[in-house]
Amino acid sequence: MNESSAFRECSPGLPPYLETRKTGDRRLKVLFIALWYPYDDNPSCGVFTKEHARAAARNNEVRVLHVIEGKPSCLLPRRQESGADDGAYDVTRVYRHRFAPIALLERKADDVAIQMKRSTRFYKRLSGCAMAGLAKIIRASRSPGYSVSVMRAFRKLRAEGWTPDIIHAHVYAAGFPAVIIGRLYGIPVVVSEHFSLLARGELNVLERLKARFVARRADALLPVSPLLAEALVRYGARGNISVVPNIVDTSLFHFSERPVSAERPRMLAVLSSNPGKGFDCLIDAAAILFERRPGAFLKILGVDREKYETNPRALCLINKGALEIRARQDKEYVARSMIECDFLVHPTLFETFGIVAFEAMACGKPVVASKIRAFEETMPAMGGILFPPGDSGALAEAVEYMIDHLGEYGGEELASFIEREFGWLRITQMLDGVYRSLA
C-alpha cells in the first residue's frame, strides 16, 4: 500500500477532532495547565495532554498554559509568548530559567553522590547519601518557582479579560497551583493524572504531600486508568474520580485491509531507550524466534543507536536482515508502520495506560504485550496475547503462537471497538460531561 492510500481523507476545513460541535449548550472557557506539552525542542512531550485539549476544544473555548524550564542562566530571564495551536485554541508558554550556579551545584552533588555510594568505606558512603540529599533539596526548590510562574501567567490572562469557567490541570504537580488558583478565584478544578511514579508509589516526601493536597481538594480527578484511580484513592481522593482514558487518534491510526504472510510475518515494536520498556527482553526473544522462523521480520522504533549498538544479539539480527531499528519517529510514521505490520509486540514492564498498544489495535492489529494491569484491565480478548513481563522465552512462544493464529485476533471489529471506546467523540463526551457538572 502506498502512503497516500494509508490514511483517510479528512473533510476540508476543521481538523477531525473539531468536525462536529454542539450548538445548544454554552461554550465554557477551559484553561489547561499542562506540566507536559509539546514544544519546539521536544515535540513529543505530553502529546496526550494536547489531544485532551483538542477534544475539549470541540465544544468549548480552550487555552493552554505551559511552563517550560529553559537552560540554566545567570540572568534568570523570564519570557512569555502566546500563539494558536492547530487553529483550535491558544497556547501560552512561559519560559523560566534556573540560576546557573544552583543548577551546576545540583549536577555536581549528583555526580559526587554516585561516586561515593560505590565506595566500600562507610564514611564515604555516608557522605554520598548526604550529597544525594542535597541534590534532592535543590530539586525540591523548583516546585515553588513553577507554581509562582503558573500563578503569574494566570493573573496576566485575567488582566487581558479572559477568566476560565473550568481549570483542567494535567498531572498533580500542575494541579497544585491549579487548586490554589481555584480556591482563590472560586473556579472548579479538574486534574487528569498520568504519572507512573504516582502509580508505583515512588514519590518523595514533598511530592507525596503535593499529590495528597491535590487528591483531597480537586473538584474532579480524571486518571487515565483504574490503576491510577487506585493510587489517587491512596492519596486521599474522596469519591470524585472518573477514569477518562488517553485518546487514540483514529484519524491517523485506523483499519486498513492488508494481506498477511505466514512465511514472512512483519512485527513492530514501538519502544524507547528506557530500561523499563523491555528492549533487551525483546531482542532475546527475537533471537529465539528467528531460529524457528527464519522468514520473520521485526521493526523497532524509538530506540537510540547507543542502546542497540551495545547489544551483540541486536547487531547480529540487523546484519542478517531480520531486524530494523530506528530512533524516535513522528506519529505519522508510527501510524504508517502500524498499518503495514501484522501485529505489535509490546514488552514493557510497566504502563499506566499503554497508548501504543491501543493505537495498534485501532489499526486492527493484535498485540503481544506484557501481562501488566494496564492491559489486563482494558485490552479486549480479541486484542491479543499477554505474557509474563520480562520473560523472553514466554515472549518468543507468544509471538510464535500469534503468527500461527493471526486470523483469530484483530481485524475491523477490534478497530471499531477502539474507536468507540477511546476515539475523539467518546473522550469529548466524557470531558464535556465532567465540565458541565461543575460549571
Protein backbone atom coordinates (compact mmCIF):
# COMPACT_ATOMS: atom_id res chain seq x y z
CA MET A 1 0.00 0.00 0.00
CA ASN A 2 1.37 3.43 -0.83
CA GLU A 3 1.48 6.17 1.78
CA SER A 4 -1.31 8.24 0.26
CA SER A 5 -3.80 5.37 0.46
CA ALA A 6 -2.88 4.51 4.04
CA PHE A 7 -4.73 7.46 5.52
CA ARG A 8 -8.30 8.63 5.46
CA GLU A 9 -9.03 11.89 3.74
CA CYS A 10 -10.43 14.33 6.27
CA SER A 11 -13.14 16.74 5.25
CA PRO A 12 -11.78 20.18 4.32
CA GLY A 13 -11.84 22.94 6.90
CA LEU A 14 -11.67 21.94 10.54
CA PRO A 15 -9.40 19.15 11.82
CA PRO A 16 -11.11 15.78 12.58
CA TYR A 17 -11.39 16.50 16.29
CA LEU A 18 -13.33 19.71 15.53
CA GLU A 19 -15.62 18.43 12.78
CA THR A 20 -18.78 18.42 14.91
CA ARG A 21 -19.75 20.74 17.71
CA LYS A 22 -22.74 21.08 19.96
CA THR A 23 -24.77 24.15 19.22
CA GLY A 24 -27.29 24.19 22.06
CA ASP A 25 -25.01 24.42 25.10
CA ARG A 26 -22.97 27.42 26.16
CA ARG A 27 -19.30 27.06 25.31
CA LEU A 28 -17.31 27.04 28.53
CA LYS A 29 -13.93 28.67 28.95
CA VAL A 30 -11.47 25.93 29.94
CA LEU A 31 -7.87 26.63 30.96
CA PHE A 32 -5.50 23.67 30.62
CA ILE A 33 -2.47 23.90 32.93
CA ALA A 34 -0.01 21.41 31.48
CA LEU A 35 3.12 20.12 33.15
CA TRP A 36 3.99 18.40 29.86
CA TYR A 37 3.01 19.72 26.44
CA PRO A 38 4.71 19.56 23.01
CA TYR A 39 7.03 22.45 22.12
CA ASP A 40 9.75 23.09 19.54
CA ASP A 41 12.62 21.46 21.43
CA ASN A 42 10.53 18.44 22.46
CA PRO A 43 7.61 17.85 20.06
CA SER A 44 6.67 14.51 21.64
CA CYS A 45 6.42 15.86 25.20
CA GLY A 46 2.91 15.44 26.61
CA VAL A 47 1.13 14.58 23.36
CA PHE A 48 -1.65 13.04 25.48
CA THR A 49 -2.28 16.46 27.07
CA LYS A 50 -2.51 18.09 23.67
CA GLU A 51 -5.04 15.53 22.49
CA HIS A 52 -7.23 16.06 25.57
CA ALA A 53 -7.09 19.80 24.88
CA ARG A 54 -8.15 19.16 21.28
CA ALA A 55 -11.08 17.07 22.49
CA ALA A 56 -12.12 19.74 24.98
CA ALA A 57 -11.87 22.42 22.27
CA ARG A 58 -14.51 20.60 20.27
CA ASN A 59 -17.29 22.10 22.41
CA ASN A 60 -15.51 24.73 24.49
CA GLU A 61 -13.16 27.69 24.33
CA VAL A 62 -9.80 26.31 25.43
CA ARG A 63 -6.50 27.91 26.34
CA VAL A 64 -3.37 26.01 27.36
CA LEU A 65 -0.80 27.30 29.87
CA HIS A 66 2.56 25.53 29.74
CA VAL A 67 5.54 26.50 31.91
CA ILE A 68 8.83 25.34 30.36
CA GLU A 69 12.13 25.13 32.21
CA GLY A 70 14.79 26.51 29.89
CA LYS A 71 18.56 26.24 30.06
CA PRO A 72 20.26 27.48 33.26
CA SER A 73 21.22 31.14 33.13
CA CYS A 74 22.92 33.67 35.41
CA LEU A 75 20.48 36.39 34.33
CA LEU A 76 17.28 34.48 35.21
CA PRO A 77 15.31 35.74 32.18
CA ARG A 78 11.59 35.01 32.04
CA ARG A 79 9.71 35.04 28.75
CA GLN A 80 6.05 34.51 27.94
CA GLU A 81 4.58 34.02 24.48
CA SER A 82 1.20 33.03 23.10
CA GLY A 83 0.11 31.53 19.81
CA ALA A 84 -2.55 29.36 18.20
CA ASP A 85 -2.16 25.58 18.14
CA ASP A 86 -3.68 23.95 15.02
CA GLY A 87 -6.15 26.83 14.87
CA ALA A 88 -8.17 25.20 17.66
CA TYR A 89 -7.03 27.12 20.75
CA ASP A 90 -4.30 29.40 22.10
CA VAL A 91 -1.22 28.16 23.94
CA THR A 92 0.63 30.40 26.41
CA ARG A 93 4.19 29.26 27.02
CA VAL A 94 6.20 30.63 29.93
CA TYR A 95 9.95 30.04 29.75
CA ARG A 96 11.64 30.14 33.14
CA HIS A 97 15.36 29.57 33.66
CA ARG A 98 17.13 28.22 36.71
CA PHE A 99 20.04 30.11 38.25
CA ALA A 100 23.11 28.55 36.61
CA PRO A 101 25.28 28.16 39.76
CA ILE A 102 22.44 26.33 41.54
CA ALA A 103 21.93 24.02 38.56
CA LEU A 104 25.68 23.31 38.50
CA LEU A 105 25.68 22.56 42.23
CA GLU A 106 22.82 20.09 41.79
CA ARG A 107 24.61 18.28 38.97
CA LYS A 108 27.88 18.11 40.91
CA ALA A 109 26.10 16.85 44.03
CA ASP A 110 24.50 14.06 41.99
CA ASP A 111 27.85 13.07 40.44
CA VAL A 112 29.67 13.03 43.79
CA ALA A 113 26.84 11.07 45.42
CA ILE A 114 27.02 8.35 42.76
CA GLN A 115 30.81 8.03 43.12
CA MET A 116 30.82 7.96 46.92
CA LYS A 117 27.99 5.45 47.22
CA ARG A 118 30.13 2.97 45.29
CA SER A 119 32.90 3.20 47.87
CA THR A 120 33.44 0.42 50.40
CA ARG A 121 34.35 2.94 53.12
CA PHE A 122 31.49 3.77 55.45
CA TYR A 123 32.25 7.48 55.82
CA LYS A 124 32.38 7.94 52.03
CA ARG A 125 29.07 6.15 51.56
CA LEU A 126 27.58 8.34 54.30
CA SER A 127 28.92 11.43 52.53
CA GLY A 128 27.38 10.15 49.31
CA CYS A 129 23.98 9.92 50.98
CA ALA A 130 24.40 13.49 52.25
CA MET A 131 25.24 14.75 48.75
CA ALA A 132 22.25 12.89 47.31
CA GLY A 133 20.09 14.59 49.94
CA LEU A 134 21.48 17.98 48.93
CA ALA A 135 20.63 17.31 45.28
CA LYS A 136 17.06 16.35 46.28
CA ILE A 137 16.66 19.55 48.30
CA ILE A 138 17.81 21.61 45.32
CA ARG A 139 15.39 19.78 43.02
CA ALA A 140 12.57 20.34 45.51
CA SER A 141 13.24 24.08 45.34
CA ARG A 142 11.98 24.10 41.73
CA SER A 143 8.39 23.45 42.82
CA PRO A 144 7.65 26.90 44.32
CA GLY A 145 9.14 28.57 41.25
CA TYR A 146 6.88 26.54 38.96
CA SER A 147 3.78 27.40 40.98
CA VAL A 148 4.66 31.11 41.05
CA SER A 149 5.13 31.11 37.26
CA VAL A 150 1.72 29.48 36.75
CA MET A 151 0.00 31.97 39.04
CA ARG A 152 1.67 34.96 37.36
CA ALA A 153 0.61 33.73 33.94
CA PHE A 154 -2.95 33.18 35.19
CA ARG A 155 -3.14 36.73 36.54
CA LYS A 156 -1.95 38.02 33.18
CA LEU A 157 -4.73 36.11 31.40
CA ARG A 158 -7.30 37.65 33.75
CA ALA A 159 -5.83 41.11 33.19
CA GLU A 160 -6.37 40.54 29.46
CA GLY A 161 -10.06 39.89 30.17
CA TRP A 162 -10.08 36.08 29.95
CA THR A 163 -11.24 34.20 33.07
CA PRO A 164 -11.92 30.46 32.77
CA ASP A 165 -15.07 28.67 33.91
CA ILE A 166 -13.02 25.48 34.49
CA ILE A 167 -9.33 24.86 35.18
CA HIS A 168 -8.10 21.49 33.89
CA ALA A 169 -4.60 20.58 35.10
CA HIS A 170 -2.66 17.61 33.81
CA VAL A 171 -0.65 15.74 36.46
CA TYR A 172 -0.81 16.53 40.18
CA ALA A 173 2.28 18.79 40.01
CA ALA A 174 0.34 21.15 37.72
CA GLY A 175 -2.75 20.52 39.83
CA PHE A 176 -1.04 22.00 42.90
CA PRO A 177 -1.03 25.65 41.67
CA ALA A 178 -4.32 24.98 39.87
CA VAL A 179 -6.08 24.07 43.13
CA ILE A 180 -4.67 27.17 44.84
CA ILE A 181 -5.89 29.37 41.97
CA GLY A 182 -9.26 27.64 42.02
CA ARG A 183 -9.71 28.33 45.73
CA LEU A 184 -8.63 31.97 45.39
CA TYR A 185 -10.93 32.75 42.47
CA GLY A 186 -13.79 30.30 43.01
CA ILE A 187 -13.12 28.27 39.84
CA PRO A 188 -13.74 24.48 39.71
CA VAL A 189 -10.56 22.46 39.18
CA VAL A 190 -10.25 19.19 37.25
CA VAL A 191 -7.00 17.20 37.39
CA SER A 192 -6.05 14.46 34.92
CA GLU A 193 -3.40 12.04 36.15
CA HIS A 194 -0.87 10.17 34.00
CA PHE A 195 2.26 9.93 36.17
CA SER A 196 3.73 6.43 36.52
CA LEU A 197 5.74 7.25 39.68
CA LEU A 198 2.49 8.08 41.47
CA ALA A 199 1.02 4.72 40.46
CA ARG A 200 4.16 2.87 41.59
CA GLY A 201 4.31 4.72 44.92
CA GLU A 202 7.79 6.12 44.21
CA LEU A 203 7.23 9.81 45.01
CA ASN A 204 9.47 11.53 47.53
CA VAL A 205 8.05 13.11 50.69
CA LEU A 206 7.43 16.56 49.18
CA GLU A 207 5.77 15.13 46.07
CA ARG A 208 3.57 12.85 48.19
CA LEU A 209 2.37 15.88 50.15
CA LYS A 210 1.56 17.73 46.92
CA ALA A 211 -0.26 14.70 45.50
CA ARG A 212 -2.30 14.35 48.70
CA PHE A 213 -3.14 18.07 48.67
CA VAL A 214 -4.43 17.82 45.10
CA ALA A 215 -6.26 14.50 45.55
CA ARG A 216 -8.21 15.86 48.51
CA ARG A 217 -9.04 19.30 47.13
CA ALA A 218 -9.58 19.00 43.37
CA ASP A 219 -13.24 19.10 42.34
CA ALA A 220 -12.77 16.19 39.92
CA LEU A 221 -9.94 13.72 39.33
CA LEU A 222 -9.60 12.08 35.92
CA PRO A 223 -6.98 9.30 35.97
CA VAL A 224 -6.37 7.66 32.61
CA SER A 225 -6.60 4.13 34.05
CA PRO A 226 -8.07 2.21 37.01
CA LEU A 227 -4.50 1.69 38.26
CA LEU A 228 -4.04 5.44 38.68
CA ALA A 229 -7.52 5.75 40.18
CA GLU A 230 -6.49 3.37 42.97
CA ALA A 231 -3.31 5.38 43.53
CA LEU A 232 -5.33 8.59 43.92
CA VAL A 233 -7.59 6.89 46.47
CA ARG A 234 -4.47 6.02 48.47
CA TYR A 235 -3.58 9.71 48.41
CA GLY A 236 -6.94 10.69 49.87
CA ALA A 237 -9.31 11.17 46.92
CA ARG A 238 -12.93 11.11 48.11
CA GLY A 239 -15.37 9.83 45.52
CA ASN A 240 -14.66 12.48 42.87
CA ILE A 241 -12.84 10.12 40.49
CA SER A 242 -13.79 9.27 36.89
CA VAL A 243 -11.48 7.29 34.61
CA VAL A 244 -11.03 9.23 31.35
CA PRO A 245 -8.50 7.40 29.15
CA ASN A 246 -6.00 8.85 26.73
CA ILE A 247 -7.23 9.48 23.20
CA VAL A 248 -6.41 7.21 20.30
CA ASP A 249 -6.19 9.45 17.24
CA THR A 250 -8.28 7.38 14.83
CA SER A 251 -7.71 9.90 12.04
CA LEU A 252 -4.13 8.55 11.96
CA PHE A 253 -4.47 5.07 13.46
CA HIS A 254 -7.23 3.31 11.55
CA PHE A 255 -8.07 -0.02 9.99
CA SER A 256 -6.80 -0.87 6.52
CA GLU A 257 -7.09 -4.33 4.97
CA ARG A 258 -3.71 -5.89 4.22
CA PRO A 259 -2.65 -9.40 3.18
CA VAL A 260 -0.86 -11.41 5.88
CA SER A 261 2.14 -13.56 5.02
CA ALA A 262 2.73 -16.55 7.30
CA GLU A 263 6.10 -17.09 5.62
CA ARG A 264 7.38 -13.60 6.42
CA PRO A 265 5.34 -12.13 9.28
CA ARG A 266 6.01 -8.44 9.91
CA MET A 267 6.25 -7.46 13.56
CA LEU A 268 6.53 -3.97 15.01
CA ALA A 269 7.64 -2.68 18.42
CA VAL A 270 7.43 0.98 19.47
CA LEU A 271 9.67 1.42 22.50
CA SER A 272 12.21 3.85 23.92
CA SER A 273 15.70 3.53 25.35
CA ASN A 274 14.23 3.43 28.87
CA PRO A 275 15.20 0.10 30.54
CA GLY A 276 11.59 -0.42 31.63
CA LYS A 277 10.38 -0.68 28.03
CA GLY A 278 11.81 -4.20 27.61
CA PHE A 279 14.23 -3.75 24.70
CA ASP A 280 16.71 -6.40 25.90
CA CYS A 281 13.91 -8.89 26.60
CA LEU A 282 12.56 -8.33 23.08
CA ILE A 283 15.96 -8.86 21.45
CA ASP A 284 16.50 -12.10 23.41
CA ALA A 285 13.05 -13.31 22.35
CA ALA A 286 13.71 -12.32 18.73
CA ALA A 287 16.94 -14.33 18.71
CA ILE A 288 14.98 -17.40 19.87
CA LEU A 289 12.13 -16.80 17.42
CA PHE A 290 14.26 -16.25 14.32
CA GLU A 291 15.93 -19.62 14.79
CA ARG A 292 12.48 -21.22 14.43
CA ARG A 293 11.01 -18.71 11.96
CA PRO A 294 13.86 -17.51 9.74
CA GLY A 295 11.46 -15.57 7.49
CA ALA A 296 10.13 -13.32 10.27
CA PHE A 297 10.96 -9.61 10.32
CA LEU A 298 10.91 -7.18 13.26
CA LYS A 299 11.00 -3.38 13.10
CA ILE A 300 11.69 -1.47 16.33
CA LEU A 301 11.01 2.27 16.60
CA GLY A 302 12.14 4.69 19.30
CA VAL A 303 15.46 3.16 20.38
CA ASP A 304 18.66 5.21 20.14
CA ARG A 305 21.76 3.89 18.39
CA GLU A 306 23.74 3.98 21.67
CA LYS A 307 21.26 1.49 23.14
CA TYR A 308 21.32 -1.21 20.47
CA GLU A 309 24.98 -0.92 19.47
CA THR A 310 25.93 -2.36 22.87
CA ASN A 311 23.71 -5.42 22.31
CA PRO A 312 25.57 -8.07 20.23
CA ARG A 313 22.38 -10.03 19.50
CA ALA A 314 20.70 -6.94 18.09
CA LEU A 315 23.66 -6.23 15.82
CA CYS A 316 23.71 -9.85 14.64
CA LEU A 317 20.00 -9.77 13.76
CA ILE A 318 20.43 -6.45 11.93
CA ASN A 319 23.26 -7.92 9.86
CA LYS A 320 21.05 -10.90 8.95
CA GLY A 321 18.32 -8.57 7.69
CA ALA A 322 15.81 -9.84 10.26
CA LEU A 323 15.76 -6.66 12.35
CA GLU A 324 15.48 -2.94 11.65
CA ILE A 325 15.86 -0.34 14.41
CA ARG A 326 15.06 3.34 14.08
CA ALA A 327 15.19 6.20 16.56
CA ARG A 328 12.07 8.06 17.69
CA GLN A 329 9.74 8.91 14.80
CA ASP A 330 6.75 11.22 14.46
CA LYS A 331 3.23 9.86 14.88
CA GLU A 332 2.56 9.83 11.15
CA TYR A 333 5.48 7.45 10.57
CA VAL A 334 4.43 5.29 13.52
CA ALA A 335 0.88 5.10 12.12
CA ARG A 336 2.15 4.04 8.69
CA SER A 337 4.34 1.37 10.29
CA MET A 338 1.40 0.02 12.30
CA ILE A 339 -0.81 -0.15 9.22
CA GLU A 340 1.91 -2.06 7.36
CA CYS A 341 2.75 -4.58 10.12
CA ASP A 342 0.92 -7.80 11.01
CA PHE A 343 0.97 -7.30 14.78
CA LEU A 344 2.61 -5.27 17.55
CA VAL A 345 5.00 -6.61 20.20
CA HIS A 346 4.97 -4.57 23.41
CA PRO A 347 7.27 -5.99 26.14
CA THR A 348 7.09 -3.02 28.53
CA LEU A 349 7.42 -3.76 32.24
CA PHE A 350 5.04 -1.03 33.44
CA GLU A 351 2.43 1.28 31.94
CA THR A 352 -0.26 3.50 33.39
CA PHE A 353 -2.20 3.28 30.12
CA GLY A 354 -0.11 1.95 27.21
CA ILE A 355 -1.26 4.16 24.34
CA VAL A 356 0.98 2.40 21.78
CA ALA A 357 -0.91 -0.87 22.17
CA PHE A 358 -4.26 0.85 21.68
CA GLU A 359 -3.03 2.72 18.62
CA ALA A 360 -2.05 -0.62 17.09
CA MET A 361 -5.46 -2.09 17.91
CA ALA A 362 -7.10 0.96 16.31
CA CYS A 363 -5.36 -0.17 13.11
CA GLY A 364 -6.91 -3.61 13.59
CA LYS A 365 -3.56 -5.11 14.61
CA PRO A 366 -3.39 -7.57 17.52
CA VAL A 367 -0.84 -7.06 20.27
CA VAL A 368 1.55 -9.40 22.09
CA ALA A 369 2.04 -7.49 25.35
CA SER A 370 3.31 -7.92 28.88
CA LYS A 371 0.75 -9.15 31.39
CA ILE A 372 0.55 -5.95 33.40
CA ARG A 373 -2.53 -4.34 34.94
CA ALA A 374 -2.85 -1.62 32.32
CA PHE A 375 -3.54 -4.29 29.69
CA GLU A 376 -5.26 -6.90 31.85
CA GLU A 377 -7.98 -4.38 32.73
CA THR A 378 -8.54 -2.73 29.37
CA MET A 379 -7.42 -4.96 26.48
CA PRO A 380 -10.32 -6.82 24.82
CA ALA A 381 -10.00 -10.59 24.31
CA MET A 382 -9.71 -10.15 20.55
CA GLY A 383 -6.90 -7.63 21.10
CA GLY A 384 -4.06 -10.11 21.51
CA ILE A 385 -1.98 -12.22 23.89
CA LEU A 386 -0.39 -11.38 27.24
CA PHE A 387 2.84 -12.96 28.51
CA PRO A 388 4.73 -12.76 31.86
CA PRO A 389 6.72 -9.47 31.95
CA GLY A 390 10.44 -9.80 31.32
CA ASP A 391 10.29 -13.47 30.26
CA SER A 392 11.97 -13.64 26.84
CA GLY A 393 11.18 -17.35 26.41
CA ALA A 394 7.48 -16.79 27.06
CA LEU A 395 7.54 -13.79 24.72
CA ALA A 396 9.05 -15.89 21.91
CA GLU A 397 6.36 -18.55 22.40
CA ALA A 398 3.59 -15.94 22.46
CA VAL A 399 4.87 -14.34 19.24
CA GLU A 400 5.10 -17.74 17.54
CA TYR A 401 1.54 -18.56 18.63
CA MET A 402 0.35 -15.22 17.26
CA ILE A 403 1.99 -15.91 13.90
CA ASP A 404 0.11 -19.22 13.67
CA HIS A 405 -3.25 -17.78 14.81
CA LEU A 406 -3.33 -14.27 13.34
CA GLY A 407 -6.78 -14.86 11.88
CA GLU A 408 -8.25 -15.23 15.38
CA TYR A 409 -7.23 -11.75 16.55
CA GLY A 410 -7.50 -8.16 15.43
CA GLY A 411 -9.39 -7.02 12.37
CA GLU A 412 -12.02 -4.39 11.68
CA GLU A 413 -14.13 -5.35 14.70
CA LEU A 414 -11.19 -4.59 17.01
CA ALA A 415 -10.55 -1.25 15.27
CA SER A 416 -14.22 -0.30 15.67
CA PHE A 417 -14.13 -1.17 19.37
CA ILE A 418 -11.10 1.06 19.97
CA GLU A 419 -12.63 3.97 18.08
CA ARG A 420 -15.86 3.60 20.02
CA GLU A 421 -14.18 3.45 23.45
CA PHE A 422 -11.07 5.61 23.01
CA GLY A 423 -11.74 7.83 19.99
CA TRP A 424 -12.28 11.59 19.80
CA LEU A 425 -16.06 11.52 20.19
CA ARG A 426 -16.03 9.30 23.29
CA ILE A 427 -13.41 11.34 25.17
CA THR A 428 -15.02 14.63 24.13
CA GLN A 429 -18.31 13.47 25.62
CA MET A 430 -16.62 12.35 28.85
CA LEU A 431 -14.73 15.62 29.32
CA ASP A 432 -17.80 17.69 28.47
CA GLY A 433 -19.87 15.77 30.99
CA VAL A 434 -17.35 16.49 33.75
CA TYR A 435 -17.04 20.19 32.86
CA ARG A 436 -20.77 20.83 32.72
CA SER A 437 -21.38 19.02 36.00
CA LEU A 438 -19.05 21.52 37.71
CA ALA A 439 -19.66 24.79 35.85
